[in-house]
Full PDB file with SEQRES, HELIX, SHEET, SSBOND, CRYST1, ORIGX, SCALE, CONECT and MASTER records, all heavy atoms in Angstrom:
SEQRES   1 A   39  ALA LEU CYS ASN LEU ARG CYS ASP TYR CYS TYR TYR LEU          
SEQRES   2 A   39  GLU LYS ARG HIS LEU TYR ARG GLN PRO GLN LYS THR MET          
SEQRES   3 A   39  MET PRO GLY ASP VAL LEU GLU THR TYR ILE ARG ASP TYR          
HELIX    1 AA1 LEU A   13  LEU A   18  5                                   6    
HELIX    2 AA2 PRO A   22  LYS A   24  5                                   3    
HELIX    3 AA3 GLY A   29  ASP A   38  1                                  10    
CRYST1    1.000    1.000    1.000  90.00  90.00  90.00 P 1           1          
ORIGX1      1.000000  0.000000  0.000000        0.00000                         
ORIGX2      0.000000  1.000000  0.000000        0.00000                         
ORIGX3      0.000000  0.000000  1.000000        0.00000                         
SCALE1      1.000000  0.000000  0.000000        0.00000                         
SCALE2      0.000000  1.000000  0.000000        0.00000                         
SCALE3      0.000000  0.000000  1.000000        0.00000                         
ATOM      1  N   ALA A   1      -5.930  10.542  -9.635  1.00  0.00           N  
ATOM      2  CA  ALA A   1      -6.897  11.479  -9.062  1.00  0.00           C  
ATOM      3  C   ALA A   1      -6.436  12.037  -7.719  1.00  0.00           C  
ATOM      4  O   ALA A   1      -7.172  12.784  -7.072  1.00  0.00           O  
ATOM      5  CB  ALA A   1      -8.256  10.796  -8.899  1.00  0.00           C  
ATOM      6  N   LEU A   2      -5.228  11.683  -7.293  1.00  0.00           N  
ATOM      7  CA  LEU A   2      -4.735  12.175  -6.002  1.00  0.00           C  
ATOM      8  C   LEU A   2      -4.598  13.693  -6.017  1.00  0.00           C  
ATOM      9  O   LEU A   2      -4.168  14.285  -7.002  1.00  0.00           O  
ATOM     10  CB  LEU A   2      -3.381  11.561  -5.675  1.00  0.00           C  
ATOM     11  CG  LEU A   2      -3.343  10.074  -5.317  1.00  0.00           C  
ATOM     12  CD1 LEU A   2      -1.922   9.671  -4.941  1.00  0.00           C  
ATOM     13  CD2 LEU A   2      -4.299   9.762  -4.165  1.00  0.00           C  
ATOM     14  N   CYS A   3      -4.971  14.316  -4.908  1.00  0.00           N  
ATOM     15  CA  CYS A   3      -4.872  15.765  -4.785  1.00  0.00           C  
ATOM     16  C   CYS A   3      -4.729  16.123  -3.315  1.00  0.00           C  
ATOM     17  O   CYS A   3      -5.253  15.429  -2.441  1.00  0.00           O  
ATOM     18  CB  CYS A   3      -6.113  16.443  -5.374  1.00  0.00           C  
ATOM     19  SG  CYS A   3      -5.983  18.252  -5.447  1.00  0.00           S  
ATOM     20  N   ASN A   4      -4.017  17.207  -3.054  1.00  0.00           N  
ATOM     21  CA  ASN A   4      -3.851  17.676  -1.677  1.00  0.00           C  
ATOM     22  C   ASN A   4      -5.019  18.560  -1.231  1.00  0.00           C  
ATOM     23  O   ASN A   4      -5.103  18.925  -0.058  1.00  0.00           O  
ATOM     24  CB  ASN A   4      -2.538  18.439  -1.527  1.00  0.00           C  
ATOM     25  CG  ASN A   4      -2.481  19.668  -2.421  1.00  0.00           C  
ATOM     26  OD1 ASN A   4      -2.818  19.598  -3.601  1.00  0.00           O  
ATOM     27  ND2 ASN A   4      -2.038  20.790  -1.877  1.00  0.00           N  
ATOM     28  N   LEU A   5      -5.925  18.912  -2.170  1.00  0.00           N  
ATOM     29  CA  LEU A   5      -7.115  19.683  -1.830  1.00  0.00           C  
ATOM     30  C   LEU A   5      -8.354  18.799  -1.930  1.00  0.00           C  
ATOM     31  O   LEU A   5      -8.312  17.705  -2.491  1.00  0.00           O  
ATOM     32  CB  LEU A   5      -7.263  20.890  -2.761  1.00  0.00           C  
ATOM     33  CG  LEU A   5      -6.152  21.946  -2.720  1.00  0.00           C  
ATOM     34  CD1 LEU A   5      -6.520  23.134  -3.594  1.00  0.00           C  
ATOM     35  CD2 LEU A   5      -5.867  22.401  -1.289  1.00  0.00           C  
ATOM     36  N   ARG A   6      -9.451  19.310  -1.397  1.00  0.00           N  
ATOM     37  CA  ARG A   6     -10.736  18.611  -1.455  1.00  0.00           C  
ATOM     38  C   ARG A   6     -11.816  19.598  -1.917  1.00  0.00           C  
ATOM     39  O   ARG A   6     -12.763  19.901  -1.203  1.00  0.00           O  
ATOM     40  CB  ARG A   6     -11.095  18.026  -0.080  1.00  0.00           C  
ATOM     41  CG  ARG A   6     -10.230  16.847   0.349  1.00  0.00           C  
ATOM     42  CD  ARG A   6     -10.407  15.662  -0.585  1.00  0.00           C  
ATOM     43  NE  ARG A   6      -9.596  14.513  -0.197  1.00  0.00           N  
ATOM     44  CZ  ARG A   6      -8.391  14.260  -0.670  1.00  0.00           C  
ATOM     45  NH1 ARG A   6      -7.829  15.101  -1.540  1.00  0.00           N  
ATOM     46  NH2 ARG A   6      -7.727  13.188  -0.288  1.00  0.00           N  
ATOM     47  N   CYS A   7     -11.649  20.115  -3.127  1.00  0.00           N  
ATOM     48  CA  CYS A   7     -12.593  21.090  -3.670  1.00  0.00           C  
ATOM     49  C   CYS A   7     -13.967  20.435  -3.836  1.00  0.00           C  
ATOM     50  O   CYS A   7     -14.077  19.355  -4.424  1.00  0.00           O  
ATOM     51  CB  CYS A   7     -12.099  21.622  -5.007  1.00  0.00           C  
ATOM     52  SG  CYS A   7     -10.449  22.367  -4.913  1.00  0.00           S  
ATOM     53  N   ASP A   8     -14.986  21.087  -3.315  1.00  0.00           N  
ATOM     54  CA  ASP A   8     -16.324  20.501  -3.287  1.00  0.00           C  
ATOM     55  C   ASP A   8     -16.834  20.103  -4.653  1.00  0.00           C  
ATOM     56  O   ASP A   8     -17.524  19.095  -4.806  1.00  0.00           O  
ATOM     57  CB  ASP A   8     -17.316  21.487  -2.650  1.00  0.00           C  
ATOM     58  CG  ASP A   8     -17.072  21.677  -1.165  1.00  0.00           C  
ATOM     59  OD1 ASP A   8     -16.161  21.027  -0.626  1.00  0.00           O  
ATOM     60  OD2 ASP A   8     -17.802  22.468  -0.547  1.00  0.00           O  
ATOM     61  N   TYR A   9     -16.525  20.903  -5.671  1.00  0.00           N  
ATOM     62  CA  TYR A   9     -17.109  20.681  -6.993  1.00  0.00           C  
ATOM     63  C   TYR A   9     -16.221  19.868  -7.937  1.00  0.00           C  
ATOM     64  O   TYR A   9     -16.559  19.679  -9.105  1.00  0.00           O  
ATOM     65  CB  TYR A   9     -17.451  22.017  -7.661  1.00  0.00           C  
ATOM     66  CG  TYR A   9     -16.276  22.977  -7.780  1.00  0.00           C  
ATOM     67  CD1 TYR A   9     -15.190  22.698  -8.608  1.00  0.00           C  
ATOM     68  CD2 TYR A   9     -16.262  24.174  -7.071  1.00  0.00           C  
ATOM     69  CE1 TYR A   9     -14.127  23.560  -8.718  1.00  0.00           C  
ATOM     70  CE2 TYR A   9     -15.205  25.059  -7.174  1.00  0.00           C  
ATOM     71  CZ  TYR A   9     -14.140  24.751  -8.000  1.00  0.00           C  
ATOM     72  OH  TYR A   9     -13.075  25.610  -8.107  1.00  0.00           O  
ATOM     73  N   CYS A  10     -15.093  19.386  -7.447  1.00  0.00           N  
ATOM     74  CA  CYS A  10     -14.166  18.674  -8.327  1.00  0.00           C  
ATOM     75  C   CYS A  10     -14.793  17.400  -8.887  1.00  0.00           C  
ATOM     76  O   CYS A  10     -15.240  16.535  -8.135  1.00  0.00           O  
ATOM     77  CB  CYS A  10     -12.884  18.327  -7.579  1.00  0.00           C  
ATOM     78  SG  CYS A  10     -11.664  17.477  -8.624  1.00  0.00           S  
ATOM     79  N   TYR A  11     -14.791  17.285 -10.203  1.00  0.00           N  
ATOM     80  CA  TYR A  11     -15.364  16.109 -10.857  1.00  0.00           C  
ATOM     81  C   TYR A  11     -14.383  14.947 -10.902  1.00  0.00           C  
ATOM     82  O   TYR A  11     -14.775  13.810 -11.173  1.00  0.00           O  
ATOM     83  CB  TYR A  11     -15.808  16.448 -12.295  1.00  0.00           C  
ATOM     84  CG  TYR A  11     -14.649  16.773 -13.226  1.00  0.00           C  
ATOM     85  CD1 TYR A  11     -14.071  15.789 -14.019  1.00  0.00           C  
ATOM     86  CD2 TYR A  11     -14.132  18.060 -13.308  1.00  0.00           C  
ATOM     87  CE1 TYR A  11     -13.002  16.071 -14.860  1.00  0.00           C  
ATOM     88  CE2 TYR A  11     -13.077  18.365 -14.152  1.00  0.00           C  
ATOM     89  CZ  TYR A  11     -12.516  17.375 -14.919  1.00  0.00           C  
ATOM     90  OH  TYR A  11     -11.460  17.666 -15.746  1.00  0.00           O  
ATOM     91  N   TYR A  12     -13.101  15.216 -10.634  1.00  0.00           N  
ATOM     92  CA  TYR A  12     -12.109  14.152 -10.823  1.00  0.00           C  
ATOM     93  C   TYR A  12     -11.667  13.480  -9.534  1.00  0.00           C  
ATOM     94  O   TYR A  12     -11.204  12.339  -9.559  1.00  0.00           O  
ATOM     95  CB  TYR A  12     -10.873  14.690 -11.558  1.00  0.00           C  
ATOM     96  CG  TYR A  12     -10.217  13.595 -12.378  1.00  0.00           C  
ATOM     97  CD1 TYR A  12     -10.667  13.301 -13.657  1.00  0.00           C  
ATOM     98  CD2 TYR A  12      -9.198  12.819 -11.853  1.00  0.00           C  
ATOM     99  CE1 TYR A  12     -10.117  12.268 -14.395  1.00  0.00           C  
ATOM    100  CE2 TYR A  12      -8.644  11.781 -12.582  1.00  0.00           C  
ATOM    101  CZ  TYR A  12      -9.103  11.504 -13.850  1.00  0.00           C  
ATOM    102  OH  TYR A  12      -8.564  10.472 -14.567  1.00  0.00           O  
ATOM    103  N   LEU A  13     -11.817  14.151  -8.425  1.00  0.00           N  
ATOM    104  CA  LEU A  13     -11.319  13.614  -7.159  1.00  0.00           C  
ATOM    105  C   LEU A  13     -11.872  12.224  -6.866  1.00  0.00           C  
ATOM    106  O   LEU A  13     -11.151  11.339  -6.386  1.00  0.00           O  
ATOM    107  CB  LEU A  13     -11.682  14.573  -6.025  1.00  0.00           C  
ATOM    108  CG  LEU A  13     -11.046  14.300  -4.665  1.00  0.00           C  
ATOM    109  CD1 LEU A  13      -9.527  14.420  -4.741  1.00  0.00           C  
ATOM    110  CD2 LEU A  13     -11.600  15.282  -3.626  1.00  0.00           C  
ATOM    111  N   GLU A  14     -13.137  11.997  -7.169  1.00  0.00           N  
ATOM    112  CA  GLU A  14     -13.748  10.713  -6.835  1.00  0.00           C  
ATOM    113  C   GLU A  14     -13.321   9.569  -7.762  1.00  0.00           C  
ATOM    114  O   GLU A  14     -13.647   8.411  -7.503  1.00  0.00           O  
ATOM    115  CB  GLU A  14     -15.269  10.826  -6.846  1.00  0.00           C  
ATOM    116  CG  GLU A  14     -15.890  11.053  -8.203  1.00  0.00           C  
ATOM    117  CD  GLU A  14     -17.405  10.857  -8.137  1.00  0.00           C  
ATOM    118  OE1 GLU A  14     -18.010  11.068  -7.068  1.00  0.00           O  
ATOM    119  OE2 GLU A  14     -17.971  10.465  -9.149  1.00  0.00           O  
ATOM    120  N   LYS A  15     -12.561   9.884  -8.804  1.00  0.00           N  
ATOM    121  CA  LYS A  15     -12.077   8.814  -9.684  1.00  0.00           C  
ATOM    122  C   LYS A  15     -11.114   7.881  -8.942  1.00  0.00           C  
ATOM    123  O   LYS A  15     -10.803   6.790  -9.426  1.00  0.00           O  
ATOM    124  CB  LYS A  15     -11.369   9.401 -10.917  1.00  0.00           C  
ATOM    125  CG  LYS A  15     -12.197  10.385 -11.722  1.00  0.00           C  
ATOM    126  CD  LYS A  15     -13.522   9.815 -12.170  1.00  0.00           C  
ATOM    127  CE  LYS A  15     -14.300  10.865 -12.969  1.00  0.00           C  
ATOM    128  NZ  LYS A  15     -15.670  10.427 -13.291  1.00  0.00           N  
ATOM    129  N   ARG A  16     -10.676   8.329  -7.770  1.00  0.00           N  
ATOM    130  CA  ARG A  16      -9.801   7.450  -6.976  1.00  0.00           C  
ATOM    131  C   ARG A  16     -10.526   6.167  -6.590  1.00  0.00           C  
ATOM    132  O   ARG A  16      -9.891   5.144  -6.317  1.00  0.00           O  
ATOM    133  CB  ARG A  16      -9.305   8.179  -5.730  1.00  0.00           C  
ATOM    134  CG  ARG A  16     -10.386   8.506  -4.703  1.00  0.00           C  
ATOM    135  CD  ARG A  16      -9.821   9.396  -3.583  1.00  0.00           C  
ATOM    136  NE  ARG A  16     -10.754   9.585  -2.484  1.00  0.00           N  
ATOM    137  CZ  ARG A  16     -11.735  10.466  -2.478  1.00  0.00           C  
ATOM    138  NH1 ARG A  16     -11.930  11.246  -3.542  1.00  0.00           N  
ATOM    139  NH2 ARG A  16     -12.533  10.591  -1.429  1.00  0.00           N  
ATOM    140  N   HIS A  17     -11.852   6.196  -6.573  1.00  0.00           N  
ATOM    141  CA  HIS A  17     -12.621   4.997  -6.236  1.00  0.00           C  
ATOM    142  C   HIS A  17     -12.521   3.928  -7.327  1.00  0.00           C  
ATOM    143  O   HIS A  17     -12.839   2.760  -7.084  1.00  0.00           O  
ATOM    144  CB  HIS A  17     -14.078   5.355  -5.987  1.00  0.00           C  
ATOM    145  CG  HIS A  17     -14.298   6.187  -4.753  1.00  0.00           C  
ATOM    146  ND1 HIS A  17     -14.012   5.737  -3.490  1.00  0.00           N  
ATOM    147  CD2 HIS A  17     -14.761   7.459  -4.600  1.00  0.00           C  
ATOM    148  CE1 HIS A  17     -14.295   6.687  -2.600  1.00  0.00           C  
ATOM    149  NE2 HIS A  17     -14.750   7.733  -3.254  1.00  0.00           N  
ATOM    150  N   LEU A  18     -12.097   4.339  -8.524  1.00  0.00           N  
ATOM    151  CA  LEU A  18     -11.918   3.370  -9.606  1.00  0.00           C  
ATOM    152  C   LEU A  18     -10.635   2.567  -9.419  1.00  0.00           C  
ATOM    153  O   LEU A  18     -10.456   1.522 -10.046  1.00  0.00           O  
ATOM    154  CB  LEU A  18     -11.882   4.087 -10.960  1.00  0.00           C  
ATOM    155  CG  LEU A  18     -13.151   4.860 -11.369  1.00  0.00           C  
ATOM    156  CD1 LEU A  18     -12.909   5.620 -12.670  1.00  0.00           C  
ATOM    157  CD2 LEU A  18     -14.323   3.895 -11.524  1.00  0.00           C  
ATOM    158  N   TYR A  19      -9.741   3.088  -8.574  1.00  0.00           N  
ATOM    159  CA  TYR A  19      -8.449   2.445  -8.338  1.00  0.00           C  
ATOM    160  C   TYR A  19      -8.292   2.279  -6.834  1.00  0.00           C  
ATOM    161  O   TYR A  19      -8.062   3.237  -6.107  1.00  0.00           O  
ATOM    162  CB  TYR A  19      -7.321   3.293  -8.941  1.00  0.00           C  
ATOM    163  CG  TYR A  19      -7.500   3.469 -10.432  1.00  0.00           C  
ATOM    164  CD1 TYR A  19      -8.141   4.593 -10.934  1.00  0.00           C  
ATOM    165  CD2 TYR A  19      -7.083   2.488 -11.330  1.00  0.00           C  
ATOM    166  CE1 TYR A  19      -8.345   4.745 -12.304  1.00  0.00           C  
ATOM    167  CE2 TYR A  19      -7.280   2.630 -12.695  1.00  0.00           C  
ATOM    168  CZ  TYR A  19      -7.913   3.755 -13.168  1.00  0.00           C  
ATOM    169  OH  TYR A  19      -8.122   3.899 -14.524  1.00  0.00           O  
ATOM    170  N   ARG A  20      -8.416   1.058  -6.359  1.00  0.00           N  
ATOM    171  CA  ARG A  20      -8.546   0.784  -4.939  1.00  0.00           C  
ATOM    172  C   ARG A  20      -7.254   0.846  -4.138  1.00  0.00           C  
ATOM    173  O   ARG A  20      -7.271   0.632  -2.931  1.00  0.00           O  
ATOM    174  CB  ARG A  20      -9.198  -0.590  -4.746  1.00  0.00           C  
ATOM    175  CG  ARG A  20     -10.684  -0.585  -5.070  1.00  0.00           C  
ATOM    176  CD  ARG A  20     -11.423   0.411  -4.178  1.00  0.00           C  
ATOM    177  NE  ARG A  20     -12.858   0.359  -4.367  1.00  0.00           N  
ATOM    178  CZ  ARG A  20     -13.722   1.115  -3.709  1.00  0.00           C  
ATOM    179  NH1 ARG A  20     -13.283   1.991  -2.848  1.00  0.00           N  
ATOM    180  NH2 ARG A  20     -15.020   1.004  -3.923  1.00  0.00           N  
ATOM    181  N   GLN A  21      -6.131   1.125  -4.784  1.00  0.00           N  
ATOM    182  CA  GLN A  21      -4.868   1.231  -4.061  1.00  0.00           C  
ATOM    183  C   GLN A  21      -4.292   2.624  -4.274  1.00  0.00           C  
ATOM    184  O   GLN A  21      -3.392   2.823  -5.089  1.00  0.00           O  
ATOM    185  CB  GLN A  21      -3.875   0.163  -4.536  1.00  0.00           C  
ATOM    186  CG  GLN A  21      -4.325  -1.266  -4.237  1.00  0.00           C  
ATOM    187  CD  GLN A  21      -3.355  -2.290  -4.777  1.00  0.00           C  
ATOM    188  OE1 GLN A  21      -3.152  -2.404  -5.986  1.00  0.00           O  
ATOM    189  NE2 GLN A  21      -2.740  -3.048  -3.880  1.00  0.00           N  
ATOM    190  N   PRO A  22      -4.821   3.636  -3.561  1.00  0.00           N  
ATOM    191  CA  PRO A  22      -4.424   5.023  -3.797  1.00  0.00           C  
ATOM    192  C   PRO A  22      -2.936   5.280  -3.638  1.00  0.00           C  
ATOM    193  O   PRO A  22      -2.381   6.165  -4.276  1.00  0.00           O  
ATOM    194  CB  PRO A  22      -5.240   5.807  -2.749  1.00  0.00           C  
ATOM    195  CG  PRO A  22      -5.620   4.798  -1.715  1.00  0.00           C  
ATOM    196  CD  PRO A  22      -5.786   3.511  -2.454  1.00  0.00           C  
ATOM    197  N   GLN A  23      -2.266   4.487  -2.804  1.00  0.00           N  
ATOM    198  CA  GLN A  23      -0.830   4.683  -2.623  1.00  0.00           C  
ATOM    199  C   GLN A  23      -0.046   4.291  -3.874  1.00  0.00           C  
ATOM    200  O   GLN A  23       1.129   4.602  -3.998  1.00  0.00           O  
ATOM    201  CB  GLN A  23      -0.319   3.893  -1.411  1.00  0.00           C  
ATOM    202  CG  GLN A  23      -0.260   2.380  -1.598  1.00  0.00           C  
ATOM    203  CD  GLN A  23      -1.593   1.685  -1.341  1.00  0.00           C  
ATOM    204  OE1 GLN A  23      -2.627   2.343  -1.268  1.00  0.00           O  
ATOM    205  NE2 GLN A  23      -1.560   0.378  -1.192  1.00  0.00           N  
ATOM    206  N   LYS A  24      -0.710   3.602  -4.792  1.00  0.00           N  
ATOM    207  CA  LYS A  24      -0.036   3.181  -6.014  1.00  0.00           C  
ATOM    208  C   LYS A  24      -0.530   3.943  -7.239  1.00  0.00           C  
ATOM    209  O   LYS A  24      -0.387   3.484  -8.367  1.00  0.00           O  
ATOM    210  CB  LYS A  24      -0.239   1.679  -6.231  1.00  0.00           C  
ATOM    211  CG  LYS A  24       0.414   0.814  -5.156  1.00  0.00           C  
ATOM    212  CD  LYS A  24       0.279  -0.667  -5.467  1.00  0.00           C  
ATOM    213  CE  LYS A  24       0.975  -1.518  -4.407  1.00  0.00           C  
ATOM    214  NZ  LYS A  24       0.848  -2.965  -4.690  1.00  0.00           N  
ATOM    215  N   THR A  25      -1.124   5.131  -7.032  1.00  0.00           N  
ATOM    216  CA  THR A  25      -1.641   5.876  -8.171  1.00  0.00           C  
ATOM    217  C   THR A  25      -0.652   6.908  -8.705  1.00  0.00           C  
ATOM    218  O   THR A  25      -1.047   7.874  -9.350  1.00  0.00           O  
ATOM    219  CB  THR A  25      -2.980   6.574  -7.820  1.00  0.00           C  
ATOM    220  OG1 THR A  25      -2.777   7.434  -6.706  1.00  0.00           O  
ATOM    221  CG2 THR A  25      -4.052   5.561  -7.524  1.00  0.00           C  
ATOM    222  N   MET A  26       0.602   6.720  -8.426  1.00  0.00           N  
ATOM    223  CA  MET A  26       1.652   7.503  -9.061  1.00  0.00           C  
ATOM    224  C   MET A  26       2.110   6.756 -10.306  1.00  0.00           C  
ATOM    225  O   MET A  26       2.356   5.551 -10.264  1.00  0.00           O  
ATOM    226  CB  MET A  26       2.827   7.721  -8.115  1.00  0.00           C  
ATOM    227  CG  MET A  26       2.504   8.588  -6.908  1.00  0.00           C  
ATOM    228  SD  MET A  26       2.137  10.290  -7.370  1.00  0.00           S  
ATOM    229  CE  MET A  26       2.090  11.065  -5.753  1.00  0.00           C  
ATOM    230  N   MET A  27       2.225   7.463 -11.424  1.00  0.00           N  
ATOM    231  CA  MET A  27       2.577   6.826 -12.688  1.00  0.00           C  
ATOM    232  C   MET A  27       3.982   6.215 -12.615  1.00  0.00           C  
ATOM    233  O   MET A  27       4.963   6.928 -12.394  1.00  0.00           O  
ATOM    234  CB  MET A  27       2.508   7.842 -13.824  1.00  0.00           C  
ATOM    235  CG  MET A  27       2.776   7.256 -15.199  1.00  0.00           C  
ATOM    236  SD  MET A  27       2.560   8.467 -16.534  1.00  0.00           S  
ATOM    237  CE  MET A  27       0.775   8.627 -16.585  1.00  0.00           C  
ATOM    238  N   PRO A  28       4.096   4.909 -12.804  1.00  0.00           N  
ATOM    239  CA  PRO A  28       5.415   4.267 -12.753  1.00  0.00           C  
ATOM    240  C   PRO A  28       6.226   4.572 -14.003  1.00  0.00           C  
ATOM    241  O   PRO A  28       5.694   4.995 -15.039  1.00  0.00           O  
ATOM    242  CB  PRO A  28       5.076   2.785 -12.647  1.00  0.00           C  
ATOM    243  CG  PRO A  28       3.708   2.649 -13.228  1.00  0.00           C  
ATOM    244  CD  PRO A  28       3.002   3.939 -12.943  1.00  0.00           C  
ATOM    245  N   GLY A  29       7.530   4.299 -13.904  1.00  0.00           N  
ATOM    246  CA  GLY A  29       8.441   4.644 -14.988  1.00  0.00           C  
ATOM    247  C   GLY A  29       8.144   3.969 -16.308  1.00  0.00           C  
ATOM    248  O   GLY A  29       8.285   4.576 -17.378  1.00  0.00           O  
ATOM    249  N   ASP A  30       7.723   2.695 -16.283  1.00  0.00           N  
ATOM    250  CA  ASP A  30       7.482   1.997 -17.538  1.00  0.00           C  
ATOM    251  C   ASP A  30       6.245   2.547 -18.258  1.00  0.00           C  
ATOM    252  O   ASP A  30       6.227   2.644 -19.498  1.00  0.00           O  
ATOM    253  CB  ASP A  30       7.346   0.494 -17.311  1.00  0.00           C  
ATOM    254  CG  ASP A  30       6.245   0.122 -16.336  1.00  0.00           C  
ATOM    255  OD1 ASP A  30       5.800   0.993 -15.555  1.00  0.00           O  
ATOM    256  OD2 ASP A  30       5.819  -1.059 -16.347  1.00  0.00           O  
ATOM    257  N   VAL A  31       5.232   2.955 -17.497  1.00  0.00           N  
ATOM    258  CA  VAL A  31       4.046   3.561 -18.111  1.00  0.00           C  
ATOM    259  C   VAL A  31       4.406   4.920 -18.698  1.00  0.00           C  
ATOM    260  O   VAL A  31       3.998   5.255 -19.823  1.00  0.00           O  
ATOM    261  CB  VAL A  31       2.902   3.708 -17.089  1.00  0.00           C  
ATOM    262  CG1 VAL A  31       1.719   4.461 -17.697  1.00  0.00           C  
ATOM    263  CG2 VAL A  31       2.457   2.339 -16.599  1.00  0.00           C  
ATOM    264  N   LEU A  32       5.171   5.703 -17.959  1.00  0.00           N  
ATOM    265  CA  LEU A  32       5.588   7.015 -18.436  1.00  0.00           C  
ATOM    266  C   LEU A  32       6.365   6.908 -19.744  1.00  0.00           C  
ATOM    267  O   LEU A  32       6.087   7.626 -20.716  1.00  0.00           O  
ATOM    268  CB  LEU A  32       6.445   7.715 -17.376  1.00  0.00           C  
ATOM    269  CG  LEU A  32       7.006   9.076 -17.784  1.00  0.00           C  
ATOM    270  CD1 LEU A  32       5.892  10.082 -17.987  1.00  0.00           C  
ATOM    271  CD2 LEU A  32       8.002   9.582 -16.726  1.00  0.00           C  
ATOM    272  N   GLU A  33       7.326   5.997 -19.795  1.00  0.00           N  
ATOM    273  CA  GLU A  33       8.140   5.877 -21.007  1.00  0.00           C  
ATOM    274  C   GLU A  33       7.309   5.373 -22.184  1.00  0.00           C  
ATOM    275  O   GLU A  33       7.451   5.866 -23.310  1.00  0.00           O  
ATOM    276  CB  GLU A  33       9.328   4.948 -20.766  1.00  0.00           C  
ATOM    277  CG  GLU A  33      10.224   4.810 -21.995  1.00  0.00           C  
ATOM    278  CD  GLU A  33      11.609   4.323 -21.678  1.00  0.00           C  
ATOM    279  OE1 GLU A  33      11.865   3.934 -20.510  1.00  0.00           O  
ATOM    280  OE2 GLU A  33      12.465   4.328 -22.587  1.00  0.00           O  
ATOM    281  N   THR A  34       6.436   4.409 -21.939  1.00  0.00           N  
ATOM    282  CA  THR A  34       5.575   3.910 -23.008  1.00  0.00           C  
ATOM    283  C   THR A  34       4.696   5.027 -23.556  1.00  0.00           C  
ATOM    284  O   THR A  34       4.540   5.176 -24.781  1.00  0.00           O  
ATOM    285  CB  THR A  34       4.687   2.762 -22.499  1.00  0.00           C  
ATOM    286  OG1 THR A  34       5.525   1.680 -22.079  1.00  0.00           O  
ATOM    287  CG2 THR A  34       3.735   2.271 -23.580  1.00  0.00           C  
ATOM    288  N   TYR A  35       4.129   5.813 -22.661  1.00  0.00           N  
ATOM    289  CA  TYR A  35       3.271   6.924 -23.091  1.00  0.00           C  
ATOM    290  C   TYR A  35       4.046   7.937 -23.914  1.00  0.00           C  
ATOM    291  O   TYR A  35       3.616   8.322 -25.014  1.00  0.00           O  
ATOM    292  CB  TYR A  35       2.649   7.600 -21.868  1.00  0.00           C  
ATOM    293  CG  TYR A  35       2.076   8.963 -22.162  1.00  0.00           C  
ATOM    294  CD1 TYR A  35       1.127   9.140 -23.172  1.00  0.00           C  
ATOM    295  CD2 TYR A  35       2.493  10.086 -21.444  1.00  0.00           C  
ATOM    296  CE1 TYR A  35       0.613  10.392 -23.451  1.00  0.00           C  
ATOM    297  CE2 TYR A  35       1.979  11.337 -21.723  1.00  0.00           C  
ATOM    298  CZ  TYR A  35       1.043  11.488 -22.726  1.00  0.00           C  
ATOM    299  OH  TYR A  35       0.538  12.733 -23.006  1.00  0.00           O  
ATOM    300  N   ILE A  36       5.182   8.392 -23.413  1.00  0.00           N  
ATOM    301  CA  ILE A  36       5.952   9.413 -24.127  1.00  0.00           C  
ATOM    302  C   ILE A  36       6.408   8.894 -25.485  1.00  0.00           C  
ATOM    303  O   ILE A  36       6.288   9.586 -26.501  1.00  0.00           O  
ATOM    304  CB  ILE A  36       7.146   9.874 -23.268  1.00  0.00           C  
ATOM    305  CG1 ILE A  36       6.634  10.698 -22.077  1.00  0.00           C  
ATOM    306  CG2 ILE A  36       8.142  10.676 -24.095  1.00  0.00           C  
ATOM    307  CD1 ILE A  36       7.706  11.132 -21.100  1.00  0.00           C  
ATOM    308  N   ARG A  37       6.904   7.681 -25.529  1.00  0.00           N  
ATOM    309  CA  ARG A  37       7.365   7.092 -26.800  1.00  0.00           C  
ATOM    310  C   ARG A  37       6.216   6.989 -27.803  1.00  0.00           C  
ATOM    311  O   ARG A  37       6.346   7.430 -28.957  1.00  0.00           O  
ATOM    312  CB  ARG A  37       7.948   5.703 -26.526  1.00  0.00           C  
ATOM    313  CG  ARG A  37       8.488   4.982 -27.768  1.00  0.00           C  
ATOM    314  CD  ARG A  37       8.665   3.506 -27.470  1.00  0.00           C  
ATOM    315  NE  ARG A  37       7.377   2.842 -27.230  1.00  0.00           N  
ATOM    316  CZ  ARG A  37       7.224   1.774 -26.447  1.00  0.00           C  
ATOM    317  NH1 ARG A  37       8.265   1.240 -25.817  1.00  0.00           N  
ATOM    318  NH2 ARG A  37       6.021   1.228 -26.301  1.00  0.00           N  
ATOM    319  N   ASP A  38       5.099   6.422 -27.362  1.00  0.00           N  
ATOM    320  CA  ASP A  38       3.991   6.189 -28.281  1.00  0.00           C  
ATOM    321  C   ASP A  38       3.284   7.482 -28.685  1.00  0.00           C  
ATOM    322  O   ASP A  38       2.827   7.616 -29.829  1.00  0.00           O  
ATOM    323  CB  ASP A  38       2.978   5.231 -27.652  1.00  0.00           C  
ATOM    324  CG  ASP A  38       3.493   3.815 -27.557  1.00  0.00           C  
ATOM    325  OD1 ASP A  38       4.664   3.578 -27.936  1.00  0.00           O  
ATOM    326  OD2 ASP A  38       2.743   2.930 -27.090  1.00  0.00           O  
ATOM    327  N   TYR A  39       3.180   8.430 -27.760  1.00  0.00           N  
ATOM    328  CA  TYR A  39       2.500   9.685 -28.079  1.00  0.00           C  
ATOM    329  C   TYR A  39       3.306  10.492 -29.087  1.00  0.00           C  
ATOM    330  O   TYR A  39       2.760  11.047 -30.044  1.00  0.00           O  
ATOM    331  CB  TYR A  39       2.273  10.492 -26.801  1.00  0.00           C  
ATOM    332  CG  TYR A  39       1.476  11.751 -27.024  1.00  0.00           C  
ATOM    333  CD1 TYR A  39       0.217  11.723 -27.617  1.00  0.00           C  
ATOM    334  CD2 TYR A  39       1.970  12.985 -26.622  1.00  0.00           C  
ATOM    335  CE1 TYR A  39      -0.520  12.881 -27.812  1.00  0.00           C  
ATOM    336  CE2 TYR A  39       1.245  14.148 -26.806  1.00  0.00           C  
ATOM    337  CZ  TYR A  39      -0.001  14.089 -27.404  1.00  0.00           C  
ATOM    338  OH  TYR A  39      -0.721  15.247 -27.602  1.00  0.00           O  
TER     339      TYR A  39                                                      
MASTER        0    0    0    3    0    0    0    6  338    1    0    3          
END                                                                             
């Protein structure tokens, strides 16, 4: 949910509260590869 803007009506920005470590909300390599392979 990370974003460089703070649009008032954005429904997704607040999803960062579901993940308490915002600095770690970049998709890691193992998740990316698993997703691409399985999808």
